[in-house]
Amino acid sequence: MIAFRQIIQEMAAEKLHLGLTILAIAWATVSIASMLAVGEGLRQGLIRTTSNGNGDLILLTGGFATLDYGNFSKGKQTELLKSSITKQLIHRYYFDYHYAIVL
């Protein structure tokens, strides 16, 4: 009983410290919960978007060079070839490249 009374007295003496500690724990809990909620919402939205409309089709296209390198000058349009797509990419996303890639 004496130990419990001592704990209460220490808490009463350190009100500011105790209040800031409780605030920090609450803030961290809310922050983590909101980050998880946003991430889960983005994941579900992405899954819903990709499964609607065109099924499991992913369209891969070429882009533009961002740096000068070899035969490529900055801003030159690049071409995406079937040979550019590695089997690792195809197996990673479980696609058959005949159906998944539109050139």
PDB file of N, CA and C in Angstrom:
ATOM      1  N   MET A   1       0.813  -1.191   0.000  1.00  0.00           N
ATOM      2  CA  MET A   1       0.000   0.000   0.000  1.00  0.00           C
ATOM      3  C   MET A   1       0.859   1.258   0.000  1.00  0.00           C
ATOM      4  N   ILE A   2       2.001   1.175   0.686  1.00  0.00           N
ATOM      5  CA  ILE A   2       2.893   2.334   0.741  1.00  0.00           C
ATOM      6  C   ILE A   2       3.481   2.622  -0.638  1.00  0.00           C
ATOM      7  N   ALA A   3       3.811   1.577  -1.387  1.00  0.00           N
ATOM      8  CA  ALA A   3       4.380   1.758  -2.720  1.00  0.00           C
ATOM      9  C   ALA A   3       3.362   2.420  -3.652  1.00  0.00           C
ATOM     10  N   PHE A   4       2.100   2.035  -3.531  1.00  0.00           N
ATOM     11  CA  PHE A   4       1.068   2.623  -4.368  1.00  0.00           C
ATOM     12  C   PHE A   4       0.891   4.107  -4.041  1.00  0.00           C
ATOM     13  N   ARG A   5       0.933   4.450  -2.768  1.00  0.00           N
ATOM     14  CA  ARG A   5       0.821   5.851  -2.345  1.00  0.00           C
ATOM     15  C   ARG A   5       2.011   6.660  -2.854  1.00  0.00           C
ATOM     16  N   GLN A   6       3.191   6.064  -2.859  1.00  0.00           N
ATOM     17  CA  GLN A   6       4.382   6.747  -3.351  1.00  0.00           C
ATOM     18  C   GLN A   6       4.278   7.009  -4.854  1.00  0.00           C
ATOM     19  N   ILE A   7       3.734   6.058  -5.601  1.00  0.00           N
ATOM     20  CA  ILE A   7       3.554   6.242  -7.039  1.00  0.00           C
ATOM     21  C   ILE A   7       2.606   7.398  -7.305  1.00  0.00           C
ATOM     22  N   ILE A   8       1.506   7.467  -6.577  1.00  0.00           N
ATOM     23  CA  ILE A   8       0.534   8.548  -6.743  1.00  0.00           C
ATOM     24  C   ILE A   8       1.170   9.897  -6.408  1.00  0.00           C
ATOM     25  N   GLN A   9       1.971   9.950  -5.367  1.00  0.00           N
ATOM     26  CA  GLN A   9       2.629  11.202  -4.984  1.00  0.00           C
ATOM     27  C   GLN A   9       3.625  11.656  -6.058  1.00  0.00           C
ATOM     28  N   GLU A  10       4.362  10.716  -6.620  1.00  0.00           N
ATOM     29  CA  GLU A  10       5.318  11.054  -7.682  1.00  0.00           C
ATOM     30  C   GLU A  10       4.595  11.564  -8.926  1.00  0.00           C
ATOM     31  N   MET A  11       3.472  10.942  -9.244  1.00  0.00           N
ATOM     32  CA  MET A  11       2.704  11.385 -10.402  1.00  0.00           C
ATOM     33  C   MET A  11       2.137  12.781 -10.173  1.00  0.00           C
ATOM     34  N   ALA A  12       1.708  13.071  -8.973  1.00  0.00           N
ATOM     35  CA  ALA A  12       1.178  14.398  -8.656  1.00  0.00           C
ATOM     36  C   ALA A  12       2.278  15.445  -8.717  1.00  0.00           C
ATOM     37  N   ALA A  13       3.495  15.078  -8.330  1.00  0.00           N
ATOM     38  CA  ALA A  13       4.604  16.021  -8.337  1.00  0.00           C
ATOM     39  C   ALA A  13       5.101  16.296  -9.761  1.00  0.00           C
ATOM     40  N   GLU A  14       4.973  15.335 -10.636  1.00  0.00           N
ATOM     41  CA  GLU A  14       5.485  15.459 -12.007  1.00  0.00           C
ATOM     42  C   GLU A  14       4.328  15.548 -13.015  1.00  0.00           C
ATOM     43  N   LYS A  15       3.403  16.452 -12.790  1.00  0.00           N
ATOM     44  CA  LYS A  15       2.211  16.563 -13.641  1.00  0.00           C
ATOM     45  C   LYS A  15       2.568  16.910 -15.084  1.00  0.00           C
ATOM     46  N   LEU A  16       3.450  17.859 -15.265  1.00  0.00           N
ATOM     47  CA  LEU A  16       3.824  18.278 -16.618  1.00  0.00           C
ATOM     48  C   LEU A  16       4.500  17.130 -17.372  1.00  0.00           C
ATOM     49  N   HIS A  17       5.435  16.487 -16.728  1.00  0.00           N
ATOM     50  CA  HIS A  17       6.152  15.373 -17.343  1.00  0.00           C
ATOM     51  C   HIS A  17       5.189  14.245 -17.693  1.00  0.00           C
ATOM     52  N   LEU A  18       4.291  13.921 -16.795  1.00  0.00           N
ATOM     53  CA  LEU A  18       3.316  12.869 -17.021  1.00  0.00           C
ATOM     54  C   LEU A  18       2.361  13.244 -18.154  1.00  0.00           C
ATOM     55  N   GLY A  19       1.914  14.482 -18.173  1.00  0.00           N
ATOM     56  CA  GLY A  19       1.008  14.936 -19.222  1.00  0.00           C
ATOM     57  C   GLY A  19       1.653  14.901 -20.594  1.00  0.00           C
ATOM     58  N   LEU A  20       2.910  15.341 -20.679  1.00  0.00           N
ATOM     59  CA  LEU A  20       3.615  15.307 -21.967  1.00  0.00           C
ATOM     60  C   LEU A  20       3.871  13.882 -22.442  1.00  0.00           C
ATOM     61  N   THR A  21       4.140  12.987 -21.522  1.00  0.00           N
ATOM     62  CA  THR A  21       4.347  11.583 -21.874  1.00  0.00           C
ATOM     63  C   THR A  21       3.064  10.974 -22.423  1.00  0.00           C
ATOM     64  N   ILE A  22       1.940  11.246 -21.769  1.00  0.00           N
ATOM     65  CA  ILE A  22       0.659  10.732 -22.239  1.00  0.00           C
ATOM     66  C   ILE A  22       0.324  11.321 -23.607  1.00  0.00           C
ATOM     67  N   LEU A  23       0.576  12.615 -23.786  1.00  0.00           N
ATOM     68  CA  LEU A  23       0.330  13.258 -25.074  1.00  0.00           C
ATOM     69  C   LEU A  23       1.183  12.643 -26.184  1.00  0.00           C
ATOM     70  N   ALA A  24       2.450  12.363 -25.891  1.00  0.00           N
ATOM     71  CA  ALA A  24       3.346  11.766 -26.888  1.00  0.00           C
ATOM     72  C   ALA A  24       2.877  10.369 -27.278  1.00  0.00           C
ATOM     73  N   ILE A  25       2.452   9.578 -26.331  1.00  0.00           N
ATOM     74  CA  ILE A  25       1.976   8.224 -26.625  1.00  0.00           C
ATOM     75  C   ILE A  25       0.701   8.287 -27.464  1.00  0.00           C
ATOM     76  N   ALA A  26      -0.205   9.186 -27.114  1.00  0.00           N
ATOM     77  CA  ALA A  26      -1.455   9.324 -27.870  1.00  0.00           C
ATOM     78  C   ALA A  26      -1.166   9.799 -29.292  1.00  0.00           C
ATOM     79  N   TRP A  27      -0.270  10.786 -29.435  1.00  0.00           N
ATOM     80  CA  TRP A  27       0.067  11.309 -30.759  1.00  0.00           C
ATOM     81  C   TRP A  27       0.704  10.228 -31.635  1.00  0.00           C
ATOM     82  N   ALA A  28       1.594   9.450 -31.069  1.00  0.00           N
ATOM     83  CA  ALA A  28       2.243   8.377 -31.833  1.00  0.00           C
ATOM     84  C   ALA A  28       1.226   7.325 -32.264  1.00  0.00           C
ATOM     85  N   THR A  29       0.297   6.990 -31.384  1.00  0.00           N
ATOM     86  CA  THR A  29      -0.732   6.000 -31.715  1.00  0.00           C
ATOM     87  C   THR A  29      -1.616   6.495 -32.848  1.00  0.00           C
ATOM     88  N   VAL A  30      -2.047   7.745 -32.777  1.00  0.00           N
ATOM     89  CA  VAL A  30      -2.889   8.316 -33.832  1.00  0.00           C
ATOM     90  C   VAL A  30      -2.123   8.396 -35.155  1.00  0.00           C
ATOM     91  N   SER A  31      -0.859   8.785 -35.102  1.00  0.00           N
ATOM     92  CA  SER A  31      -0.056   8.898 -36.322  1.00  0.00           C
ATOM     93  C   SER A  31       0.114   7.546 -37.002  1.00  0.00           C
ATOM     94  N   ILE A  32       0.449   6.537 -36.256  1.00  0.00           N
ATOM     95  CA  ILE A  32       0.650   5.209 -36.830  1.00  0.00           C
ATOM     96  C   ILE A  32      -0.663   4.660 -37.378  1.00  0.00           C
ATOM     97  N   ALA A  33      -1.752   4.842 -36.646  1.00  0.00           N
ATOM     98  CA  ALA A  33      -3.048   4.351 -37.118  1.00  0.00           C
ATOM     99  C   ALA A  33      -3.461   5.055 -38.408  1.00  0.00           C
ATOM    100  N   SER A  34      -3.227   6.358 -38.502  1.00  0.00           N
ATOM    101  CA  SER A  34      -3.612   7.075 -39.718  1.00  0.00           C
ATOM    102  C   SER A  34      -2.721   6.686 -40.893  1.00  0.00           C
ATOM    103  N   MET A  35      -1.429   6.468 -40.673  1.00  0.00           N
ATOM    104  CA  MET A  35      -0.553   6.021 -41.765  1.00  0.00           C
ATOM    105  C   MET A  35      -0.980   4.657 -42.282  1.00  0.00           C
ATOM    106  N   LEU A  36      -1.327   3.753 -41.373  1.00  0.00           N
ATOM    107  CA  LEU A  36      -1.787   2.433 -41.794  1.00  0.00           C
ATOM    108  C   LEU A  36      -3.107   2.527 -42.551  1.00  0.00           C
ATOM    109  N   ALA A  37      -4.010   3.398 -42.112  1.00  0.00           N
ATOM    110  CA  ALA A  37      -5.296   3.555 -42.786  1.00  0.00           C
ATOM    111  C   ALA A  37      -5.112   4.124 -44.190  1.00  0.00           C
ATOM    112  N   VAL A  38      -4.255   5.111 -44.331  1.00  0.00           N
ATOM    113  CA  VAL A  38      -4.006   5.696 -45.659  1.00  0.00           C
ATOM    114  C   VAL A  38      -3.370   4.656 -46.581  1.00  0.00           C
ATOM    115  N   GLY A  39      -2.405   3.921 -46.095  1.00  0.00           N
ATOM    116  CA  GLY A  39      -1.750   2.891 -46.903  1.00  0.00           C
ATOM    117  C   GLY A  39      -2.717   1.807 -47.341  1.00  0.00           C
ATOM    118  N   GLU A  40      -3.564   1.369 -46.436  1.00  0.00           N
ATOM    119  CA  GLU A  40      -4.548   0.332 -46.774  1.00  0.00           C
ATOM    120  C   GLU A  40      -5.569   0.863 -47.774  1.00  0.00           C
ATOM    121  N   GLY A  41      -5.981   2.111 -47.604  1.00  0.00           N
ATOM    122  CA  GLY A  41      -6.916   2.718 -48.561  1.00  0.00           C
ATOM    123  C   GLY A  41      -6.312   2.835 -49.945  1.00  0.00           C
ATOM    124  N   LEU A  42      -5.050   3.243 -50.019  1.00  0.00           N
ATOM    125  CA  LEU A  42      -4.368   3.314 -51.317  1.00  0.00           C
ATOM    126  C   LEU A  42      -4.244   1.937 -51.955  1.00  0.00           C
ATOM    127  N   ARG A  43      -3.914   0.938 -51.148  1.00  0.00           N
ATOM    128  CA  ARG A  43      -3.777  -0.422 -51.670  1.00  0.00           C
ATOM    129  C   ARG A  43      -5.103  -0.929 -52.227  1.00  0.00           C
ATOM    130  N   GLN A  44      -6.175  -0.751 -51.465  1.00  0.00           N
ATOM    131  CA  GLN A  44      -7.482  -1.217 -51.930  1.00  0.00           C
ATOM    132  C   GLN A  44      -7.943  -0.447 -53.158  1.00  0.00           C
ATOM    133  N   GLY A  45      -7.683   0.858 -53.189  1.00  0.00           N
ATOM    134  CA  GLY A  45      -8.058   1.656 -54.354  1.00  0.00           C
ATOM    135  C   GLY A  45      -7.304   1.237 -55.595  1.00  0.00           C
ATOM    136  N   LEU A  46      -6.019   0.952 -55.440  1.00  0.00           N
ATOM    137  CA  LEU A  46      -5.219   0.511 -56.581  1.00  0.00           C
ATOM    138  C   LEU A  46      -5.691  -0.842 -57.099  1.00  0.00           C
ATOM    139  N   ILE A  47      -5.994  -1.747 -56.190  1.00  0.00           N
ATOM    140  CA  ILE A  47      -6.495  -3.060 -56.594  1.00  0.00           C
ATOM    141  C   ILE A  47      -7.837  -2.909 -57.300  1.00  0.00           C
ATOM    142  N   ARG A  48      -8.720  -2.075 -56.766  1.00  0.00           N
ATOM    143  CA  ARG A  48     -10.023  -1.863 -57.381  1.00  0.00           C
ATOM    144  C   ARG A  48      -9.876  -1.234 -58.766  1.00  0.00           C
ATOM    145  N   THR A  49      -8.970  -0.270 -58.897  1.00  0.00           N
ATOM    146  CA  THR A  49      -8.773   0.407 -60.177  1.00  0.00           C
ATOM    147  C   THR A  49      -8.204  -0.538 -61.220  1.00  0.00           C
ATOM    148  N   THR A  50      -7.234  -1.343 -60.856  1.00  0.00           N
ATOM    149  CA  THR A  50      -6.618  -2.240 -61.828  1.00  0.00           C
ATOM    150  C   THR A  50      -7.529  -3.400 -62.194  1.00  0.00           C
ATOM    151  N   SER A  51      -8.411  -3.808 -61.287  1.00  0.00           N
ATOM    152  CA  SER A  51      -9.287  -4.940 -61.604  1.00  0.00           C
ATOM    153  C   SER A  51     -10.514  -4.502 -62.392  1.00  0.00           C
ATOM    154  N   ASN A  52     -10.867  -3.232 -62.362  1.00  0.00           N
ATOM    155  CA  ASN A  52     -11.993  -2.721 -63.152  1.00  0.00           C
ATOM    156  C   ASN A  52     -11.517  -2.386 -64.560  1.00  0.00           C
ATOM    157  N   GLY A  53     -12.430  -2.386 -65.486  1.00  0.00           N
ATOM    158  CA  GLY A  53     -12.120  -1.912 -66.832  1.00  0.00           C
ATOM    159  C   GLY A  53     -11.344  -2.903 -67.654  1.00  0.00           C
ATOM    160  N   ASN A  54     -10.047  -2.908 -67.536  1.00  0.00           N
ATOM    161  CA  ASN A  54      -9.224  -3.720 -68.428  1.00  0.00           C
ATOM    162  C   ASN A  54      -8.642  -4.949 -67.745  1.00  0.00           C
ATOM    163  N   GLY A  55      -9.209  -5.391 -66.678  1.00  0.00           N
ATOM    164  CA  GLY A  55      -8.751  -6.619 -66.024  1.00  0.00           C
ATOM    165  C   GLY A  55      -7.354  -6.469 -65.462  1.00  0.00           C
ATOM    166  N   ASP A  56      -6.513  -7.436 -65.755  1.00  0.00           N
ATOM    167  CA  ASP A  56      -5.153  -7.438 -65.235  1.00  0.00           C
ATOM    168  C   ASP A  56      -4.151  -6.936 -66.266  1.00  0.00           C
ATOM    169  N   LEU A  57      -4.576  -6.094 -67.170  1.00  0.00           N
ATOM    170  CA  LEU A  57      -3.710  -5.587 -68.226  1.00  0.00           C
ATOM    171  C   LEU A  57      -2.875  -4.425 -67.712  1.00  0.00           C
ATOM    172  N   ILE A  58      -1.605  -4.467 -67.966  1.00  0.00           N
ATOM    173  CA  ILE A  58      -0.709  -3.355 -67.654  1.00  0.00           C
ATOM    174  C   ILE A  58      -0.085  -2.904 -68.965  1.00  0.00           C
ATOM    175  N   LEU A  59      -0.184  -1.638 -69.252  1.00  0.00           N
ATOM    176  CA  LEU A  59       0.335  -1.084 -70.496  1.00  0.00           C
ATOM    177  C   LEU A  59       1.722  -0.511 -70.237  1.00  0.00           C
ATOM    178  N   LEU A  60       2.707  -1.025 -70.943  1.00  0.00           N
ATOM    179  CA  LEU A  60       4.071  -0.538 -70.833  1.00  0.00           C
ATOM    180  C   LEU A  60       4.417   0.223 -72.100  1.00  0.00           C
ATOM    181  N   THR A  61       4.942   1.425 -71.937  1.00  0.00           N
ATOM    182  CA  THR A  61       5.323   2.225 -73.091  1.00  0.00           C
ATOM    183  C   THR A  61       6.723   2.782 -72.875  1.00  0.00           C
ATOM    184  N   GLY A  62       7.321   3.246 -73.953  1.00  0.00           N
ATOM    185  CA  GLY A  62       8.610   3.916 -73.855  1.00  0.00           C
ATOM    186  C   GLY A  62       8.417   5.305 -73.269  1.00  0.00           C
ATOM    187  N   GLY A  63       9.489   5.986 -73.046  1.00  0.00           N
ATOM    188  CA  GLY A  63       9.403   7.320 -72.472  1.00  0.00           C
ATOM    189  C   GLY A  63      10.322   8.283 -73.178  1.00  0.00           C
ATOM    190  N   PHE A  64      10.857   9.223 -72.438  1.00  0.00           N
ATOM    191  CA  PHE A  64      11.777  10.213 -72.974  1.00  0.00           C
ATOM    192  C   PHE A  64      13.072  10.168 -72.171  1.00  0.00           C
ATOM    193  N   ALA A  65      14.183  10.360 -72.862  1.00  0.00           N
ATOM    194  CA  ALA A  65      15.479  10.375 -72.199  1.00  0.00           C
ATOM    195  C   ALA A  65      15.578  11.623 -71.325  1.00  0.00           C
ATOM    196  N   THR A  66      16.039  11.444 -70.105  1.00  0.00           N
ATOM    197  CA  THR A  66      16.172  12.584 -69.194  1.00  0.00           C
ATOM    198  C   THR A  66      17.596  13.117 -69.127  1.00  0.00           C
ATOM    199  N   LEU A  67      18.564  12.343 -69.646  1.00  0.00           N
ATOM    200  CA  LEU A  67      19.963  12.762 -69.640  1.00  0.00           C
ATOM    201  C   LEU A  67      20.578  12.502 -71.007  1.00  0.00           C
ATOM    202  N   ASP A  68      21.600  13.231 -71.332  1.00  0.00           N
ATOM    203  CA  ASP A  68      22.368  12.956 -72.548  1.00  0.00           C
ATOM    204  C   ASP A  68      23.261  11.757 -72.285  1.00  0.00           C
ATOM    205  N   TYR A  69      23.138  10.708 -73.129  1.00  0.00           N
ATOM    206  CA  TYR A  69      23.943   9.516 -72.952  1.00  0.00           C
ATOM    207  C   TYR A  69      24.044   8.797 -74.291  1.00  0.00           C
ATOM    208  N   GLY A  70      25.254   8.626 -74.785  1.00  0.00           N
ATOM    209  CA  GLY A  70      25.468   7.903 -76.035  1.00  0.00           C
ATOM    210  C   GLY A  70      24.680   8.520 -77.184  1.00  0.00           C
ATOM    211  N   ASN A  71      23.834   7.708 -77.826  1.00  0.00           N
ATOM    212  CA  ASN A  71      23.025   8.178 -78.950  1.00  0.00           C
ATOM    213  C   ASN A  71      21.770   8.926 -78.508  1.00  0.00           C
ATOM    214  N   PHE A  72      21.517   8.947 -77.226  1.00  0.00           N
ATOM    215  CA  PHE A  72      20.306   9.583 -76.721  1.00  0.00           C
ATOM    216  C   PHE A  72      20.610  10.993 -76.241  1.00  0.00           C
ATOM    217  N   SER A  73      19.879  11.940 -76.769  1.00  0.00           N
ATOM    218  CA  SER A  73      19.991  13.301 -76.255  1.00  0.00           C
ATOM    219  C   SER A  73      18.796  13.552 -75.343  1.00  0.00           C
ATOM    220  N   LYS A  74      18.939  14.494 -74.465  1.00  0.00           N
ATOM    221  CA  LYS A  74      17.885  14.787 -73.505  1.00  0.00           C
ATOM    222  C   LYS A  74      16.602  15.153 -74.255  1.00  0.00           C
ATOM    223  N   GLY A  75      15.503  14.497 -73.890  1.00  0.00           N
ATOM    224  CA  GLY A  75      14.218  14.767 -74.514  1.00  0.00           C
ATOM    225  C   GLY A  75      13.887  13.870 -75.685  1.00  0.00           C
ATOM    226  N   LYS A  76      14.825  13.031 -76.121  1.00  0.00           N
ATOM    227  CA  LYS A  76      14.563  12.139 -77.252  1.00  0.00           C
ATOM    228  C   LYS A  76      13.621  11.015 -76.802  1.00  0.00           C
ATOM    229  N   GLN A  77      12.644  10.696 -77.649  1.00  0.00           N
ATOM    230  CA  GLN A  77      11.695   9.649 -77.318  1.00  0.00           C
ATOM    231  C   GLN A  77      12.382   8.291 -77.423  1.00  0.00           C
ATOM    232  N   THR A  78      12.147   7.435 -76.458  1.00  0.00           N
ATOM    233  CA  THR A  78      12.728   6.095 -76.449  1.00  0.00           C
ATOM    234  C   THR A  78      11.669   5.086 -76.846  1.00  0.00           C
ATOM    235  N   GLU A  79      12.119   3.955 -77.341  1.00  0.00           N
ATOM    236  CA  GLU A  79      11.215   2.902 -77.785  1.00  0.00           C
ATOM    237  C   GLU A  79      11.356   1.710 -76.864  1.00  0.00           C
ATOM    238  N   LEU A  80      10.253   1.127 -76.491  1.00  0.00           N
ATOM    239  CA  LEU A  80      10.257  -0.053 -75.640  1.00  0.00           C
ATOM    240  C   LEU A  80      10.119  -1.288 -76.522  1.00  0.00           C
ATOM    241  N   LEU A  81      11.079  -2.186 -76.427  1.00  0.00           N
ATOM    242  CA  LEU A  81      11.066  -3.413 -77.210  1.00  0.00           C
ATOM    243  C   LEU A  81      10.722  -4.592 -76.315  1.00  0.00           C
ATOM    244  N   LYS A  82      10.221  -5.668 -76.935  1.00  0.00           N
ATOM    245  CA  LYS A  82       9.933  -6.864 -76.146  1.00  0.00           C
ATOM    246  C   LYS A  82      11.192  -7.380 -75.460  1.00  0.00           C
ATOM    247  N   SER A  83      12.317  -7.218 -76.104  1.00  0.00           N
ATOM    248  CA  SER A  83      13.567  -7.691 -75.511  1.00  0.00           C
ATOM    249  C   SER A  83      13.976  -6.843 -74.299  1.00  0.00           C
ATOM    250  N   SER A  84      13.383  -5.663 -74.162  1.00  0.00           N
ATOM    251  CA  SER A  84      13.703  -4.803 -73.027  1.00  0.00           C
ATOM    252  C   SER A  84      13.050  -5.277 -71.746  1.00  0.00           C
ATOM    253  N   ILE A  85      12.018  -6.069 -71.891  1.00  0.00           N
ATOM    254  CA  ILE A  85      11.266  -6.523 -70.722  1.00  0.00           C
ATOM    255  C   ILE A  85      11.832  -7.860 -70.285  1.00  0.00           C
ATOM    256  N   THR A  86      12.315  -7.899 -69.082  1.00  0.00           N
ATOM    257  CA  THR A  86      12.973  -9.117 -68.609  1.00  0.00           C
ATOM    258  C   THR A  86      11.949 -10.141 -68.146  1.00  0.00           C
ATOM    259  N   LYS A  87      12.351 -11.393 -68.190  1.00  0.00           N
ATOM    260  CA  LYS A  87      11.480 -12.465 -67.708  1.00  0.00           C
ATOM    261  C   LYS A  87      11.225 -12.316 -66.218  1.00  0.00           C
ATOM    262  N   GLN A  88      12.152 -11.706 -65.507  1.00  0.00           N
ATOM    263  CA  GLN A  88      11.960 -11.495 -64.072  1.00  0.00           C
ATOM    264  C   GLN A  88      10.739 -10.619 -63.824  1.00  0.00           C
ATOM    265  N   LEU A  89      10.580  -9.579 -64.613  1.00  0.00           N
ATOM    266  CA  LEU A  89       9.422  -8.708 -64.474  1.00  0.00           C
ATOM    267  C   LEU A  89       8.144  -9.468 -64.773  1.00  0.00           C
ATOM    268  N   ILE A  90       8.165 -10.267 -65.818  1.00  0.00           N
ATOM    269  CA  ILE A  90       6.977 -11.023 -66.202  1.00  0.00           C
ATOM    270  C   ILE A  90       6.618 -12.026 -65.116  1.00  0.00           C
ATOM    271  N   HIS A  91       7.598 -12.760 -64.600  1.00  0.00           N
ATOM    272  CA  HIS A  91       7.315 -13.751 -63.570  1.00  0.00           C
ATOM    273  C   HIS A  91       6.942 -13.095 -62.251  1.00  0.00           C
ATOM    274  N   ARG A  92       7.473 -11.947 -61.979  1.00  0.00           N
ATOM    275  CA  ARG A  92       7.174 -11.268 -60.720  1.00  0.00           C
ATOM    276  C   ARG A  92       5.699 -10.904 -60.642  1.00  0.00           C
ATOM    277  N   TYR A  93       5.132 -10.473 -61.743  1.00  0.00           N
ATOM    278  CA  TYR A  93       3.736 -10.059 -61.742  1.00  0.00           C
ATOM    279  C   TYR A  93       2.811 -11.132 -62.326  1.00  0.00           C
ATOM    280  N   TYR A  94       3.338 -12.323 -62.602  1.00  0.00           N
ATOM    281  CA  TYR A  94       2.564 -13.467 -63.066  1.00  0.00           C
ATOM    282  C   TYR A  94       1.769 -13.151 -64.335  1.00  0.00           C
ATOM    283  N   PHE A  95       2.445 -12.563 -65.299  1.00  0.00           N
ATOM    284  CA  PHE A  95       1.809 -12.234 -66.568  1.00  0.00           C
ATOM    285  C   PHE A  95       2.357 -13.126 -67.667  1.00  0.00           C
ATOM    286  N   ASP A  96       1.538 -13.378 -68.627  1.00  0.00           N
ATOM    287  CA  ASP A  96       1.992 -13.967 -69.872  1.00  0.00           C
ATOM    288  C   ASP A  96       2.230 -12.791 -70.803  1.00  0.00           C
ATOM    289  N   TYR A  97       3.451 -12.595 -71.275  1.00  0.00           N
ATOM    290  CA  TYR A  97       3.769 -11.374 -72.005  1.00  0.00           C
ATOM    291  C   TYR A  97       3.003 -11.235 -73.306  1.00  0.00           C
ATOM    292  N   HIS A  98       2.447 -12.308 -73.835  1.00  0.00           N
ATOM    293  CA  HIS A  98       1.661 -12.210 -75.063  1.00  0.00           C
ATOM    294  C   HIS A  98       0.377 -11.423 -74.826  1.00  0.00           C
ATOM    295  N   TYR A  99      -0.142 -11.482 -73.610  1.00  0.00           N
ATOM    296  CA  TYR A  99      -1.411 -10.837 -73.299  1.00  0.00           C
ATOM    297  C   TYR A  99      -1.228  -9.551 -72.486  1.00  0.00           C
ATOM    298  N   ALA A 100      -0.149  -9.445 -71.763  1.00  0.00           N
ATOM    299  CA  ALA A 100      -0.003  -8.332 -70.839  1.00  0.00           C
ATOM    300  C   ALA A 100       0.658  -7.113 -71.468  1.00  0.00           C
ATOM    301  N   ILE A 101       1.386  -7.282 -72.532  1.00  0.00           N
ATOM    302  CA  ILE A 101       2.159  -6.183 -73.086  1.00  0.00           C
ATOM    303  C   ILE A 101       1.587  -5.759 -74.423  1.00  0.00           C
ATOM    304  N   VAL A 102       1.229  -4.519 -74.524  1.00  0.00           N
ATOM    305  CA  VAL A 102       0.714  -3.973 -75.783  1.00  0.00           C
ATOM    306  C   VAL A 102       1.765  -3.048 -76.339  1.00  0.00           C
ATOM    307  N   LEU A 103       2.285  -3.357 -77.509  1.00  0.00           N
ATOM    308  CA  LEU A 103       3.317  -2.511 -78.117  1.00  0.00           C
ATOM    309  C   LEU A 103       2.743  -1.736 -79.266  1.00  0.00           C
TER     310      LEU A 103
END
